[in-house]
Amino acid sequence: MVEDELALLDKSINEFWNKFKSSVSDTSCQMMALRDSYKDINKAFTEKLSVKLKEEERMVQMFLEYQNEICRQNKLIQEKKDKLLKLTVEVKDKKQELEVLTANIQDLKEEYARKKETISTAKKASEERLKRLQKSVDLYKERLGLEIRKIYGDKLQFIFTNIDPKHPDSPFMFCLHLNEARDYEVSDSAPQLECLAEFQENVRKTKNFSAFLANVRKAFSTMD
């Protein structure tokens, strides 16, 4: 009986051991499988993480490049704004200069028109004066036998005839010009007149040239 019980115990122990070994072997296999699965999962995760990190690095690099491009574009925009502002100021200054120049041109046109009118008026007055002088010269020449010639040194030579009844063609003459003070300067009378200096002072004071000529002719006619 005891042997049978021992044999049964030994059999039970062997069965338990075999089951334990089998269980441990299965557990070990499961653990190996889990380890291999973990390695595969970890490898896949590491690869995905690496790809993700590379993608994020690429995105960061793109963001930095985009940010740099934005800064560069903003700088260009600011430079263009500054140039535009400078051009605007220059255009404004040019516009003001053009307005001033236009006003100056208008003033010059008006001044030119006034001077032109003044010159035209003076020319007409001079023409009228010349007409009157020509009439006076013709009158003097006709009645007094007076001839006026322009000679050297911007002088005018006055020649009287019809003074000496015996010799009506005999010339009596003197010269006249304006000095630096724009006064009458009388000289070179022939025959010589002693009173010529007095006549000169009188015509300077009175500006009456007709009376001056009449006095000179009268002085020539009274000479012996």
C-alpha atoms as a PDB file:
ATOM      1  CA  MET A   1       0.000   0.000   0.000  1.00  0.00           C
ATOM      2  CA  VAL A   2       2.776   2.380   0.913  1.00  0.00           C
ATOM      3  CA  GLU A   3       4.617   1.644  -2.263  1.00  0.00           C
ATOM      4  CA  ASP A   4       1.536   2.189  -4.253  1.00  0.00           C
ATOM      5  CA  GLU A   5       1.018   5.513  -2.561  1.00  0.00           C
ATOM      6  CA  LEU A   6       4.647   6.465  -3.111  1.00  0.00           C
ATOM      7  CA  ALA A   7       4.372   5.435  -6.714  1.00  0.00           C
ATOM      8  CA  LEU A   8       1.231   7.500  -7.062  1.00  0.00           C
ATOM      9  CA  LEU A   9       2.932  10.486  -5.371  1.00  0.00           C
ATOM     10  CA  ASP A  10       5.934  10.123  -7.565  1.00  0.00           C
ATOM     11  CA  LYS A  11       3.671   9.995 -10.575  1.00  0.00           C
ATOM     12  CA  SER A  12       1.812  13.055  -9.386  1.00  0.00           C
ATOM     13  CA  ILE A  13       5.047  14.882  -8.769  1.00  0.00           C
ATOM     14  CA  ASN A  14       6.302  13.977 -12.260  1.00  0.00           C
ATOM     15  CA  GLU A  15       3.062  15.102 -13.858  1.00  0.00           C
ATOM     16  CA  PHE A  16       3.221  18.397 -11.935  1.00  0.00           C
ATOM     17  CA  TRP A  17       6.839  18.900 -12.976  1.00  0.00           C
ATOM     18  CA  ASN A  18       6.100  18.154 -16.565  1.00  0.00           C
ATOM     19  CA  LYS A  19       3.138  20.544 -16.478  1.00  0.00           C
ATOM     20  CA  PHE A  20       5.294  23.208 -14.738  1.00  0.00           C
ATOM     21  CA  LYS A  21       8.074  22.781 -17.283  1.00  0.00           C
ATOM     22  CA  SER A  22       5.541  22.940 -20.051  1.00  0.00           C
ATOM     23  CA  SER A  23       4.002  26.039 -18.484  1.00  0.00           C
ATOM     24  CA  VAL A  24       7.389  27.679 -17.998  1.00  0.00           C
ATOM     25  CA  SER A  25       8.372  26.798 -21.550  1.00  0.00           C
ATOM     26  CA  ASP A  26       5.160  28.318 -22.899  1.00  0.00           C
ATOM     27  CA  THR A  27       5.670  31.407 -20.738  1.00  0.00           C
ATOM     28  CA  SER A  28       9.252  31.723 -21.956  1.00  0.00           C
ATOM     29  CA  CYS A  29       8.095  31.410 -25.530  1.00  0.00           C
ATOM     30  CA  GLN A  30       5.409  33.980 -24.903  1.00  0.00           C
ATOM     31  CA  MET A  31       7.966  36.281 -23.330  1.00  0.00           C
ATOM     32  CA  MET A  32      10.298  35.794 -26.266  1.00  0.00           C
ATOM     33  CA  ALA A  33       7.431  36.527 -28.582  1.00  0.00           C
ATOM     34  CA  LEU A  34       6.500  39.607 -26.563  1.00  0.00           C
ATOM     35  CA  ARG A  35      10.144  40.700 -26.582  1.00  0.00           C
ATOM     36  CA  ASP A  36      10.373  40.262 -30.338  1.00  0.00           C
ATOM     37  CA  SER A  37       7.054  42.029 -30.747  1.00  0.00           C
ATOM     38  CA  TYR A  38       8.277  44.872 -28.506  1.00  0.00           C
ATOM     39  CA  LYS A  39      11.466  45.090 -30.544  1.00  0.00           C
ATOM     40  CA  ASP A  40       9.430  45.261 -33.751  1.00  0.00           C
ATOM     41  CA  ILE A  41       7.044  47.820 -32.267  1.00  0.00           C
ATOM     42  CA  ASN A  42       9.927  49.841 -30.816  1.00  0.00           C
ATOM     43  CA  LYS A  43      11.781  49.688 -34.157  1.00  0.00           C
ATOM     44  CA  ALA A  44       8.679  50.797 -36.045  1.00  0.00           C
ATOM     45  CA  PHE A  45       8.032  53.561 -33.490  1.00  0.00           C
ATOM     46  CA  THR A  46      11.665  54.666 -33.646  1.00  0.00           C
ATOM     47  CA  GLU A  47      11.502  54.782 -37.441  1.00  0.00           C
ATOM     48  CA  LYS A  48       8.225  56.705 -37.364  1.00  0.00           C
ATOM     49  CA  LEU A  49       9.622  59.033 -34.710  1.00  0.00           C
ATOM     50  CA  SER A  50      12.755  59.583 -36.792  1.00  0.00           C
ATOM     51  CA  VAL A  51      10.626  60.350 -39.868  1.00  0.00           C
ATOM     52  CA  LYS A  52       8.458  62.650 -37.782  1.00  0.00           C
ATOM     53  CA  LEU A  53      11.479  64.449 -36.361  1.00  0.00           C
ATOM     54  CA  LYS A  54      12.953  64.862 -39.839  1.00  0.00           C
ATOM     55  CA  GLU A  55       9.621  66.195 -41.061  1.00  0.00           C
ATOM     56  CA  GLU A  56       9.448  68.591 -38.138  1.00  0.00           C
ATOM     57  CA  GLU A  57      13.056  69.697 -38.799  1.00  0.00           C
ATOM     58  CA  ARG A  58      12.135  70.261 -42.428  1.00  0.00           C
ATOM     59  CA  MET A  59       9.066  72.224 -41.351  1.00  0.00           C
ATOM     60  CA  VAL A  60      11.183  74.287 -38.926  1.00  0.00           C
ATOM     61  CA  GLN A  61      13.731  74.943 -41.688  1.00  0.00           C
ATOM     62  CA  MET A  62      10.937  75.936 -44.080  1.00  0.00           C
ATOM     63  CA  PHE A  63       9.450  78.201 -41.411  1.00  0.00           C
ATOM     64  CA  LEU A  64      12.817  79.854 -40.810  1.00  0.00           C
ATOM     65  CA  GLU A  65      13.341  80.315 -44.554  1.00  0.00           C
ATOM     66  CA  TYR A  66       9.832  81.686 -44.907  1.00  0.00           C
ATOM     67  CA  GLN A  67      10.451  84.025 -41.957  1.00  0.00           C
ATOM     68  CA  ASN A  68      13.730  85.194 -43.512  1.00  0.00           C
ATOM     69  CA  GLU A  69      11.985  85.733 -46.833  1.00  0.00           C
ATOM     70  CA  ILE A  70       9.278  87.751 -45.089  1.00  0.00           C
ATOM     71  CA  CYS A  71      11.964  89.875 -43.405  1.00  0.00           C
ATOM     72  CA  ARG A  72      13.710  90.375 -46.743  1.00  0.00           C
ATOM     73  CA  GLN A  73      10.452  91.293 -48.466  1.00  0.00           C
ATOM     74  CA  ASN A  74       9.555  93.689 -45.628  1.00  0.00           C
ATOM     75  CA  LYS A  75      12.981  95.296 -45.973  1.00  0.00           C
ATOM     76  CA  LEU A  76      12.497  95.676 -49.735  1.00  0.00           C
ATOM     77  CA  ILE A  77       9.012  97.081 -49.169  1.00  0.00           C
ATOM     78  CA  GLN A  78      10.385  99.590 -46.642  1.00  0.00           C
ATOM     79  CA  GLU A  79      13.157 100.594 -49.059  1.00  0.00           C
ATOM     80  CA  LYS A  80      10.598 101.093 -51.813  1.00  0.00           C
ATOM     81  CA  LYS A  81       8.421 103.105 -49.424  1.00  0.00           C
ATOM     82  CA  ASP A  82      11.414 105.285 -48.538  1.00  0.00           C
ATOM     83  CA  LYS A  83      12.246 105.763 -52.230  1.00  0.00           C
ATOM     84  CA  LEU A  84       8.613 106.552 -53.001  1.00  0.00           C
ATOM     85  CA  LEU A  85       8.512 109.064 -50.150  1.00  0.00           C
ATOM     86  CA  LYS A  86      11.746 110.641 -51.414  1.00  0.00           C
ATOM     87  CA  LEU A  87      10.372 110.785 -54.950  1.00  0.00           C
ATOM     88  CA  THR A  88       7.135 112.289 -53.653  1.00  0.00           C
ATOM     89  CA  VAL A  89       9.096 114.999 -51.824  1.00  0.00           C
ATOM     90  CA  GLU A  90      11.232 115.612 -54.920  1.00  0.00           C
ATOM     91  CA  VAL A  91       8.148 115.809 -57.137  1.00  0.00           C
ATOM     92  CA  LYS A  92       6.566 118.205 -54.667  1.00  0.00           C
ATOM     93  CA  ASP A  93       9.735 120.330 -54.642  1.00  0.00           C
ATOM     94  CA  LYS A  94       9.900 120.216 -58.449  1.00  0.00           C
ATOM     95  CA  LYS A  95       6.259 121.212 -58.599  1.00  0.00           C
ATOM     96  CA  GLN A  96       6.932 124.163 -56.316  1.00  0.00           C
ATOM     97  CA  GLU A  97      10.012 125.079 -58.380  1.00  0.00           C
ATOM     98  CA  LEU A  98       7.896 124.810 -61.534  1.00  0.00           C
ATOM     99  CA  GLU A  99       5.246 127.053 -59.994  1.00  0.00           C
ATOM    100  CA  VAL A 100       7.916 129.590 -58.999  1.00  0.00           C
ATOM    101  CA  LEU A 101       9.517 129.340 -62.445  1.00  0.00           C
ATOM    102  CA  THR A 102       6.121 129.746 -64.111  1.00  0.00           C
ATOM    103  CA  ALA A 103       5.421 132.800 -61.950  1.00  0.00           C
ATOM    104  CA  ASN A 104       8.865 134.223 -62.809  1.00  0.00           C
ATOM    105  CA  ILE A 105       8.278 133.584 -66.501  1.00  0.00           C
ATOM    106  CA  GLN A 106       4.903 135.302 -66.246  1.00  0.00           C
ATOM    107  CA  ASP A 107       6.527 138.250 -64.478  1.00  0.00           C
ATOM    108  CA  LEU A 108       9.195 138.388 -67.185  1.00  0.00           C
ATOM    109  CA  LYS A 109       6.515 138.242 -69.879  1.00  0.00           C
ATOM    110  CA  GLU A 110       4.625 141.071 -68.217  1.00  0.00           C
ATOM    111  CA  GLU A 111       7.837 143.064 -67.742  1.00  0.00           C
ATOM    112  CA  TYR A 112       8.787 142.392 -71.366  1.00  0.00           C
ATOM    113  CA  ALA A 113       5.326 143.513 -72.484  1.00  0.00           C
ATOM    114  CA  ARG A 114       5.679 146.698 -70.399  1.00  0.00           C
ATOM    115  CA  LYS A 115       9.174 147.368 -71.754  1.00  0.00           C
ATOM    116  CA  LYS A 116       7.990 146.589 -75.258  1.00  0.00           C
ATOM    117  CA  GLU A 117       5.139 149.040 -74.807  1.00  0.00           C
ATOM    118  CA  THR A 118       7.552 151.599 -73.334  1.00  0.00           C
ATOM    119  CA  ILE A 119       9.984 151.077 -76.215  1.00  0.00           C
ATOM    120  CA  SER A 120       7.139 151.274 -78.708  1.00  0.00           C
ATOM    121  CA  THR A 121       5.918 154.489 -77.085  1.00  0.00           C
ATOM    122  CA  ALA A 122       9.456 155.878 -76.960  1.00  0.00           C
ATOM    123  CA  LYS A 123      10.003 154.847 -80.573  1.00  0.00           C
ATOM    124  CA  LYS A 124       6.835 156.618 -81.645  1.00  0.00           C
ATOM    125  CA  ALA A 125       7.845 159.677 -79.632  1.00  0.00           C
ATOM    126  CA  SER A 126      11.329 159.541 -81.172  1.00  0.00           C
ATOM    127  CA  GLU A 127       9.863 159.226 -84.630  1.00  0.00           C
ATOM    128  CA  GLU A 128       7.621 162.201 -83.982  1.00  0.00           C
ATOM    129  CA  ARG A 129      10.572 164.122 -82.561  1.00  0.00           C
ATOM    130  CA  LEU A 130      12.691 163.203 -85.579  1.00  0.00           C
ATOM    131  CA  LYS A 131       9.911 164.385 -87.855  1.00  0.00           C
ATOM    132  CA  ARG A 132       9.772 167.671 -85.993  1.00  0.00           C
ATOM    133  CA  LEU A 133      13.565 167.952 -86.020  1.00  0.00           C
ATOM    134  CA  GLN A 134      13.642 167.157 -89.716  1.00  0.00           C
ATOM    135  CA  LYS A 135      11.067 169.861 -90.316  1.00  0.00           C
ATOM    136  CA  SER A 136      13.163 172.247 -88.224  1.00  0.00           C
ATOM    137  CA  VAL A 137      16.311 171.240 -90.127  1.00  0.00           C
ATOM    138  CA  ASP A 138      14.529 171.706 -93.434  1.00  0.00           C
ATOM    139  CA  LEU A 139      13.237 175.044 -92.202  1.00  0.00           C
ATOM    140  CA  TYR A 140      16.688 176.100 -90.987  1.00  0.00           C
ATOM    141  CA  LYS A 141      18.260 174.940 -94.221  1.00  0.00           C
ATOM    142  CA  GLU A 142      15.681 176.724 -96.340  1.00  0.00           C
ATOM    143  CA  ARG A 143      15.480 179.992 -94.439  1.00  0.00           C
ATOM    144  CA  LEU A 144      18.776 180.181 -92.588  1.00  0.00           C
ATOM    145  CA  GLY A 145      20.997 178.257 -94.945  1.00  0.00           C
ATOM    146  CA  LEU A 146      21.858 175.713 -92.205  1.00  0.00           C
ATOM    147  CA  GLU A 147      23.437 172.337 -92.921  1.00  0.00           C
ATOM    148  CA  ILE A 148      24.286 169.789 -90.234  1.00  0.00           C
ATOM    149  CA  ARG A 149      27.023 167.189 -90.728  1.00  0.00           C
ATOM    150  CA  LYS A 150      28.290 164.407 -88.503  1.00  0.00           C
ATOM    151  CA  ILE A 151      32.094 164.439 -88.291  1.00  0.00           C
ATOM    152  CA  TYR A 152      34.855 162.769 -86.279  1.00  0.00           C
ATOM    153  CA  GLY A 153      34.567 162.208 -82.521  1.00  0.00           C
ATOM    154  CA  ASP A 154      30.755 162.035 -82.569  1.00  0.00           C
ATOM    155  CA  LYS A 155      30.642 165.745 -83.266  1.00  0.00           C
ATOM    156  CA  LEU A 156      28.018 167.620 -85.263  1.00  0.00           C
ATOM    157  CA  GLN A 157      29.161 170.409 -87.522  1.00  0.00           C
ATOM    158  CA  PHE A 158      26.690 173.241 -88.097  1.00  0.00           C
ATOM    159  CA  ILE A 159      27.294 175.222 -91.305  1.00  0.00           C
ATOM    160  CA  PHE A 160      25.438 178.489 -91.984  1.00  0.00           C
ATOM    161  CA  THR A 161      25.215 180.137 -95.395  1.00  0.00           C
ATOM    162  CA  ASN A 162      23.248 183.118 -96.716  1.00  0.00           C
ATOM    163  CA  ILE A 163      24.780 185.323 -93.999  1.00  0.00           C
ATOM    164  CA  ASP A 164      27.068 187.557 -96.057  1.00  0.00           C
ATOM    165  CA  PRO A 165      24.912 189.269 -98.724  1.00  0.00           C
ATOM    166  CA  LYS A 166      27.997 189.786-100.896  1.00  0.00           C
ATOM    167  CA  HIS A 167      29.017 186.135-100.592  1.00  0.00           C
ATOM    168  CA  PRO A 168      25.855 184.087 -99.788  1.00  0.00           C
ATOM    169  CA  ASP A 169      27.664 180.748-100.214  1.00  0.00           C
ATOM    170  CA  SER A 170      30.385 181.617 -97.683  1.00  0.00           C
ATOM    171  CA  PRO A 171      30.219 179.121 -94.757  1.00  0.00           C
ATOM    172  CA  PHE A 172      30.055 180.123 -91.099  1.00  0.00           C
ATOM    173  CA  MET A 173      30.409 177.072 -88.865  1.00  0.00           C
ATOM    174  CA  PHE A 174      30.913 175.616 -85.416  1.00  0.00           C
ATOM    175  CA  CYS A 175      31.019 172.137 -83.897  1.00  0.00           C
ATOM    176  CA  LEU A 176      28.921 170.703 -81.085  1.00  0.00           C
ATOM    177  CA  HIS A 177      28.921 167.464 -79.082  1.00  0.00           C
ATOM    178  CA  LEU A 178      27.798 166.099 -75.706  1.00  0.00           C
ATOM    179  CA  ASN A 179      30.477 165.756 -73.032  1.00  0.00           C
ATOM    180  CA  GLU A 180      30.646 163.057 -70.317  1.00  0.00           C
ATOM    181  CA  ALA A 181      28.166 165.019 -68.188  1.00  0.00           C
ATOM    182  CA  ARG A 182      25.775 165.006 -71.183  1.00  0.00           C
ATOM    183  CA  ASP A 183      26.057 168.776 -71.508  1.00  0.00           C
ATOM    184  CA  TYR A 184      26.466 170.693 -74.770  1.00  0.00           C
ATOM    185  CA  GLU A 185      30.088 171.373 -75.688  1.00  0.00           C
ATOM    186  CA  VAL A 186      30.595 174.014 -78.433  1.00  0.00           C
ATOM    187  CA  SER A 187      33.938 174.437 -80.256  1.00  0.00           C
ATOM    188  CA  ASP A 188      35.767 175.162 -83.483  1.00  0.00           C
ATOM    189  CA  SER A 189      33.778 178.168 -84.668  1.00  0.00           C
ATOM    190  CA  ALA A 190      34.916 179.689 -87.922  1.00  0.00           C
ATOM    191  CA  PRO A 191      35.126 182.610 -87.986  1.00  0.00           C
ATOM    192  CA  GLN A 192      35.972 182.687 -84.284  1.00  0.00           C
ATOM    193  CA  LEU A 193      33.126 183.907 -82.033  1.00  0.00           C
ATOM    194  CA  GLU A 194      34.150 185.514 -78.737  1.00  0.00           C
ATOM    195  CA  CYS A 195      30.652 185.046 -77.326  1.00  0.00           C
ATOM    196  CA  LEU A 196      30.494 181.297 -78.040  1.00  0.00           C
ATOM    197  CA  ALA A 197      31.264 180.356 -74.431  1.00  0.00           C
ATOM    198  CA  GLU A 198      28.383 182.564 -73.230  1.00  0.00           C
ATOM    199  CA  PHE A 199      26.005 180.923 -75.734  1.00  0.00           C
ATOM    200  CA  GLN A 200      27.171 177.534 -74.516  1.00  0.00           C
ATOM    201  CA  GLU A 201      26.343 178.327 -70.882  1.00  0.00           C
ATOM    202  CA  ASN A 202      22.920 179.687 -71.859  1.00  0.00           C
ATOM    203  CA  VAL A 203      21.917 176.587 -73.849  1.00  0.00           C
ATOM    204  CA  ARG A 204      23.060 174.340 -71.003  1.00  0.00           C
ATOM    205  CA  LYS A 205      20.755 176.195 -68.627  1.00  0.00           C
ATOM    206  CA  THR A 206      17.738 176.783 -70.864  1.00  0.00           C
ATOM    207  CA  LYS A 207      17.935 173.700 -73.132  1.00  0.00           C
ATOM    208  CA  ASN A 208      16.488 175.985 -75.819  1.00  0.00           C
ATOM    209  CA  PHE A 209      18.508 174.855 -78.806  1.00  0.00           C
ATOM    210  CA  SER A 210      16.536 176.886 -81.375  1.00  0.00           C
ATOM    211  CA  ALA A 211      17.330 180.100 -79.520  1.00  0.00           C
ATOM    212  CA  PHE A 212      20.973 178.993 -79.318  1.00  0.00           C
ATOM    213  CA  LEU A 213      21.158 178.545 -83.126  1.00  0.00           C
ATOM    214  CA  ALA A 214      19.431 181.869 -83.708  1.00  0.00           C
ATOM    215  CA  ASN A 215      21.908 183.633 -81.412  1.00  0.00           C
ATOM    216  CA  VAL A 216      24.914 182.012 -83.104  1.00  0.00           C
ATOM    217  CA  ARG A 217      23.643 182.979 -86.576  1.00  0.00           C
ATOM    218  CA  LYS A 218      22.957 186.508 -85.390  1.00  0.00           C
ATOM    219  CA  ALA A 219      26.482 186.727 -83.932  1.00  0.00           C
ATOM    220  CA  PHE A 220      27.978 185.536 -87.257  1.00  0.00           C
ATOM    221  CA  SER A 221      25.873 188.073 -89.197  1.00  0.00           C
ATOM    222  CA  THR A 222      27.018 191.023 -87.043  1.00  0.00           C
ATOM    223  CA  MET A 223      30.714 190.283 -87.500  1.00  0.00           C
ATOM    224  CA  ASP A 224      32.662 192.902 -89.428  1.00  0.00           C
END
